[in-house]
Protein backbone atom coordinates (compact mmCIF):
# COMPACT_ATOMS: atom_id res chain seq x y z
CA MET A 1 -21.43 -2.57 -25.54
CA GLY A 2 -20.14 -1.43 -22.38
CA LYS A 3 -18.06 1.25 -22.00
CA PHE A 4 -15.02 -0.69 -19.81
CA ILE A 5 -15.24 -3.25 -23.11
CA SER A 6 -15.05 -0.39 -25.44
CA ALA A 7 -11.75 1.51 -23.39
CA ILE A 8 -10.35 -1.90 -23.60
CA GLU A 9 -10.83 -2.44 -27.36
CA LYS A 10 -9.46 1.11 -27.97
CA ILE A 11 -6.28 0.84 -26.04
CA ILE A 12 -5.88 -2.55 -27.61
CA GLU A 13 -6.22 -1.04 -31.17
CA ASP A 14 -3.68 1.94 -30.69
CA ASP A 15 -0.75 2.01 -32.00
CA ILE A 16 1.98 0.63 -30.44
CA ASN A 17 4.23 4.12 -29.68
CA CYS A 18 1.08 4.96 -27.14
CA ASP A 19 1.19 3.98 -23.64
CA THR A 20 -1.37 1.57 -23.88
CA ASN A 21 -0.48 -0.26 -20.40
CA GLY A 22 -0.79 3.15 -18.67
CA ALA A 23 -4.15 3.38 -20.46
CA LEU A 24 -4.89 -0.02 -19.75
CA ALA A 25 -4.50 0.63 -15.83
CA GLN A 26 -6.38 3.63 -16.16
CA ALA A 27 -9.39 1.95 -17.56
CA ILE A 28 -9.40 -0.87 -15.19
CA LEU A 29 -9.08 1.68 -12.23
CA ALA A 30 -11.90 3.88 -13.86
CA TYR A 31 -14.56 1.22 -13.98
CA GLY A 32 -13.11 -0.85 -11.27
CA SER A 33 -12.24 1.70 -8.50
CA ASN A 34 -8.92 2.80 -7.21
CA THR A 35 -8.92 -0.19 -4.70
CA GLN A 36 -5.69 -2.31 -3.52
CA ASP A 37 -7.11 -5.32 -5.51
CA ASN A 38 -7.98 -3.34 -8.69
CA GLN A 39 -4.19 -1.59 -8.36
CA SER A 40 -2.43 -5.16 -8.04
CA CYS A 41 -4.52 -6.34 -10.68
CA THR A 42 -3.19 -3.25 -12.91
CA SER A 43 0.62 -4.37 -11.98
CA ASN A 44 0.43 -7.50 -13.29
CA LEU A 45 -1.45 -7.10 -16.79
CA ALA A 46 0.00 -5.53 -19.88
CA VAL A 47 -1.21 -5.05 -23.62
CA VAL A 48 0.50 -8.21 -25.37
CA ALA A 49 1.11 -8.91 -29.15
CA SER A 50 2.11 -11.98 -30.82
CA ASP A 51 2.43 -12.31 -34.36
CA THR A 52 -1.36 -12.26 -34.76
CA TYR A 53 -2.96 -11.39 -31.78
CA LYS A 54 -2.68 -8.33 -29.57
CA GLY A 55 -4.99 -8.11 -26.12
CA VAL A 56 -4.77 -8.25 -22.44
CA GLY A 57 -2.39 -10.49 -21.08
CA LEU A 58 0.18 -10.87 -18.30
CA LEU A 59 3.59 -9.09 -18.15
CA THR A 60 5.15 -12.36 -19.05
CA GLY A 61 3.39 -12.08 -22.28
CA VAL A 62 0.57 -14.64 -21.87
CA LEU A 63 -2.89 -13.56 -23.16
CA LEU A 64 -5.77 -13.57 -20.67
CA SER A 65 -7.77 -15.68 -23.09
CA GLU A 66 -4.88 -18.26 -23.77
CA LEU A 67 -4.74 -18.74 -19.79
CA ILE A 68 -8.29 -19.08 -19.06
CA ASN A 69 -8.80 -21.39 -22.29
CA SER A 70 -5.95 -23.30 -20.44
CA ALA A 71 -7.78 -23.57 -17.15
CA GLU A 72 -10.92 -25.05 -18.83
CA GLY A 73 -11.81 -28.52 -18.23
CA CYS A 74 -9.82 -27.87 -14.23
CA LEU A 75 -11.65 -28.94 -11.36
CA ILE A 76 -13.59 -26.39 -9.44
CA PRO A 77 -11.23 -24.28 -7.10
CA GLU A 78 -11.80 -25.18 -3.56
CA GLN A 79 -12.68 -21.69 -2.56
CA VAL A 80 -14.92 -21.36 -5.36
CA ARG A 81 -16.57 -24.96 -4.13
CA ASN A 82 -16.81 -23.69 -0.87
CA ASP A 83 -18.67 -20.36 -2.26
CA TYR A 84 -21.07 -21.93 -4.56
CA PRO A 85 -21.94 -25.83 -3.05
CA GLU A 86 -24.37 -26.37 -5.75
CA LEU A 87 -22.04 -25.44 -8.85
CA THR A 88 -22.07 -28.65 -11.12
CA GLN A 89 -18.60 -29.12 -12.77
CA SER A 90 -20.70 -28.55 -16.27
CA GLN A 91 -21.72 -24.93 -15.05
CA TRP A 92 -17.88 -24.37 -14.08
CA ASP A 93 -16.53 -25.08 -17.60
CA ALA A 94 -19.40 -23.18 -19.05
CA ALA A 95 -18.51 -20.24 -16.83
CA LEU A 96 -14.47 -20.61 -18.15
CA ARG A 97 -15.94 -21.18 -21.59
CA ILE A 98 -17.80 -17.54 -21.47
CA CYS A 99 -14.98 -15.93 -19.85
CA THR A 100 -12.57 -17.26 -23.06
CA LEU A 101 -14.89 -16.28 -25.51
CA LEU A 102 -15.03 -12.67 -23.77
CA LEU A 103 -11.60 -12.23 -23.82
CA THR A 104 -11.09 -13.30 -27.46
CA ASP A 105 -13.72 -11.30 -28.56
CA VAL A 106 -11.84 -8.06 -27.24
CA GLU A 107 -8.62 -9.10 -29.14
CA ARG A 108 -7.60 -7.52 -32.36
CA ASN A 109 -6.91 -10.33 -34.86
CA PHE A 110 -3.93 -9.26 -37.03
CA SER A 111 -4.17 -12.15 -38.81
CA LYS A 112 -7.18 -10.69 -40.87
CA VAL A 113 -5.18 -7.70 -41.71
CA ILE A 114 -2.03 -10.01 -42.81
CA GLN A 115 -4.54 -12.26 -45.02
CA ASN A 116 -6.01 -8.84 -46.95
């Protein structure tokens, strides 16, 4: 497993009293560098907790896995189609599906803890 994913998983599993959002921002900038795009990214993300899951999400409380899952099946955006004109809808759907799976893999499933 990569260092970035390991860092994100550790942050998600940390105690709620930790500065998880600050640690998340540091992990993103350490992996992706301190560019304007990455800084903007970190200012919109947080560690989000629901009754059953804890993961990376938007400041609004929406998990990124839920957001990307919702986008599955959407038409290929114009910019993506321009950059990759041979991309099929099926390939685009597959790319979004794997992104959803990767995001859910790093989420902490609290329902397993509750059931045990």
